[in-house]
Amino acid sequence: MSKLVRQIHRWLSVAFTLGFVTNTIVIFGLGQKTPAYWVYLLALVPLFALFFSGLYLFALPYVARWTARAPALARPS
């Protein structure tokens, strides 16, 4: 599961970068005209997905350490 989330996180970063570059080109390429609303979403949608997958990857070592310690705490002395 962790390997899959890491791979998804990598591809989401590529999608975010492409969305950001497209967003920048469209905004500065139009001059004074306001771009369509969906242009702004090109970078935001992958950014939110990156946020949640990044939180999962960040918490993974702490949860693994906590679950490895939990059986030791439950043993009677």
C-alpha atoms as a PDB file:
ATOM      1  CA  MET A   1       0.000   0.000   0.000  1.00  0.00           C
ATOM      2  CA  SER A   2       2.795   2.420   0.882  1.00  0.00           C
ATOM      3  CA  LYS A   3       4.540   1.816  -2.437  1.00  0.00           C
ATOM      4  CA  LEU A   4       1.329   2.576  -4.328  1.00  0.00           C
ATOM      5  CA  VAL A   5       0.756   5.814  -2.399  1.00  0.00           C
ATOM      6  CA  ARG A   6       4.349   6.893  -3.078  1.00  0.00           C
ATOM      7  CA  GLN A   7       3.904   6.260  -6.805  1.00  0.00           C
ATOM      8  CA  ILE A   8       0.609   8.161  -6.847  1.00  0.00           C
ATOM      9  CA  HIS A   9       2.244  11.016  -4.920  1.00  0.00           C
ATOM     10  CA  ARG A  10       5.028  11.233  -7.520  1.00  0.00           C
ATOM     11  CA  TRP A  11       2.589  11.344 -10.432  1.00  0.00           C
ATOM     12  CA  LEU A  12       0.445  13.897  -8.655  1.00  0.00           C
ATOM     13  CA  SER A  13       3.496  16.122  -8.304  1.00  0.00           C
ATOM     14  CA  VAL A  14       3.993  15.909 -12.072  1.00  0.00           C
ATOM     15  CA  ALA A  15       0.330  16.788 -12.637  1.00  0.00           C
ATOM     16  CA  PHE A  16       0.581  19.711 -10.214  1.00  0.00           C
ATOM     17  CA  THR A  17       3.686  21.043 -11.943  1.00  0.00           C
ATOM     18  CA  LEU A  18       2.034  20.836 -15.362  1.00  0.00           C
ATOM     19  CA  GLY A  19      -1.103  22.518 -14.014  1.00  0.00           C
ATOM     20  CA  PHE A  20       0.928  25.292 -12.424  1.00  0.00           C
ATOM     21  CA  VAL A  21       2.929  25.939 -15.598  1.00  0.00           C
ATOM     22  CA  THR A  22      -0.249  25.931 -17.708  1.00  0.00           C
ATOM     23  CA  ASN A  23      -1.948  28.247 -15.235  1.00  0.00           C
ATOM     24  CA  THR A  24       0.974  30.684 -15.313  1.00  0.00           C
ATOM     25  CA  ILE A  25       1.202  30.681 -19.104  1.00  0.00           C
ATOM     26  CA  VAL A  26      -2.541  31.266 -19.532  1.00  0.00           C
ATOM     27  CA  ILE A  27      -2.735  34.043 -16.928  1.00  0.00           C
ATOM     28  CA  PHE A  28       0.268  35.979 -18.210  1.00  0.00           C
ATOM     29  CA  GLY A  29      -0.446  35.143 -21.841  1.00  0.00           C
ATOM     30  CA  LEU A  30      -3.901  36.704 -21.787  1.00  0.00           C
ATOM     31  CA  GLY A  31      -2.742  40.070 -20.555  1.00  0.00           C
ATOM     32  CA  GLN A  32      -5.634  41.905 -18.907  1.00  0.00           C
ATOM     33  CA  LYS A  33      -8.339  39.340 -19.697  1.00  0.00           C
ATOM     34  CA  THR A  34      -9.516  37.079 -16.893  1.00  0.00           C
ATOM     35  CA  PRO A  35      -9.015  33.380 -17.680  1.00  0.00           C
ATOM     36  CA  ALA A  36     -11.755  30.804 -17.303  1.00  0.00           C
ATOM     37  CA  TYR A  37     -12.425  29.430 -13.831  1.00  0.00           C
ATOM     38  CA  TRP A  38     -11.239  25.915 -14.715  1.00  0.00           C
ATOM     39  CA  VAL A  39      -7.734  27.220 -15.416  1.00  0.00           C
ATOM     40  CA  TYR A  40      -7.276  27.909 -11.707  1.00  0.00           C
ATOM     41  CA  LEU A  41      -8.445  24.415 -10.846  1.00  0.00           C
ATOM     42  CA  LEU A  42      -5.728  22.820 -12.981  1.00  0.00           C
ATOM     43  CA  ALA A  43      -3.234  23.331 -10.176  1.00  0.00           C
ATOM     44  CA  LEU A  44      -5.564  23.146  -7.175  1.00  0.00           C
ATOM     45  CA  VAL A  45      -7.027  19.687  -7.736  1.00  0.00           C
ATOM     46  CA  PRO A  46      -3.666  17.866  -7.733  1.00  0.00           C
ATOM     47  CA  LEU A  47      -2.474  20.110  -4.904  1.00  0.00           C
ATOM     48  CA  PHE A  48      -5.226  18.889  -2.568  1.00  0.00           C
ATOM     49  CA  ALA A  49      -4.535  15.281  -3.530  1.00  0.00           C
ATOM     50  CA  LEU A  50      -0.819  15.886  -2.894  1.00  0.00           C
ATOM     51  CA  PHE A  51      -1.675  17.290   0.519  1.00  0.00           C
ATOM     52  CA  PHE A  52      -3.557  14.178   1.622  1.00  0.00           C
ATOM     53  CA  SER A  53      -1.081  11.687   0.175  1.00  0.00           C
ATOM     54  CA  GLY A  54       1.751  13.695   1.728  1.00  0.00           C
ATOM     55  CA  LEU A  55       0.063  13.592   5.129  1.00  0.00           C
ATOM     56  CA  TYR A  56      -0.263   9.823   4.807  1.00  0.00           C
ATOM     57  CA  LEU A  57       3.395   9.434   3.867  1.00  0.00           C
ATOM     58  CA  PHE A  58       4.441  11.756   6.676  1.00  0.00           C
ATOM     59  CA  ALA A  59       2.470   9.844   9.321  1.00  0.00           C
ATOM     60  CA  LEU A  60       3.452   6.380   8.074  1.00  0.00           C
ATOM     61  CA  PRO A  61       6.693   5.963  10.080  1.00  0.00           C
ATOM     62  CA  TYR A  62       5.082   7.286  13.263  1.00  0.00           C
ATOM     63  CA  VAL A  63       2.121   4.920  12.971  1.00  0.00           C
ATOM     64  CA  ALA A  64       4.446   1.986  12.254  1.00  0.00           C
ATOM     65  CA  ARG A  65       6.516   2.813  15.325  1.00  0.00           C
ATOM     66  CA  TRP A  66       3.374   3.191  17.439  1.00  0.00           C
ATOM     67  CA  THR A  67       1.899  -0.136  16.293  1.00  0.00           C
ATOM     68  CA  ALA A  68       5.206  -1.929  16.874  1.00  0.00           C
ATOM     69  CA  ARG A  69       5.338  -0.583  20.427  1.00  0.00           C
ATOM     70  CA  ALA A  70       1.673  -1.283  21.234  1.00  0.00           C
ATOM     71  CA  PRO A  71       2.024  -5.086  21.764  1.00  0.00           C
ATOM     72  CA  ALA A  72       4.965  -4.491  24.106  1.00  0.00           C
ATOM     73  CA  LEU A  73       2.830  -2.165  26.223  1.00  0.00           C
ATOM     74  CA  ALA A  74      -0.019  -4.687  26.409  1.00  0.00           C
ATOM     75  CA  ARG A  75       2.184  -7.508  27.822  1.00  0.00           C
ATOM     76  CA  PRO A  76       1.707  -8.176  31.519  1.00  0.00           C
ATOM     77  CA  SER A  77       4.775  -7.530  33.639  1.00  0.00           C
END
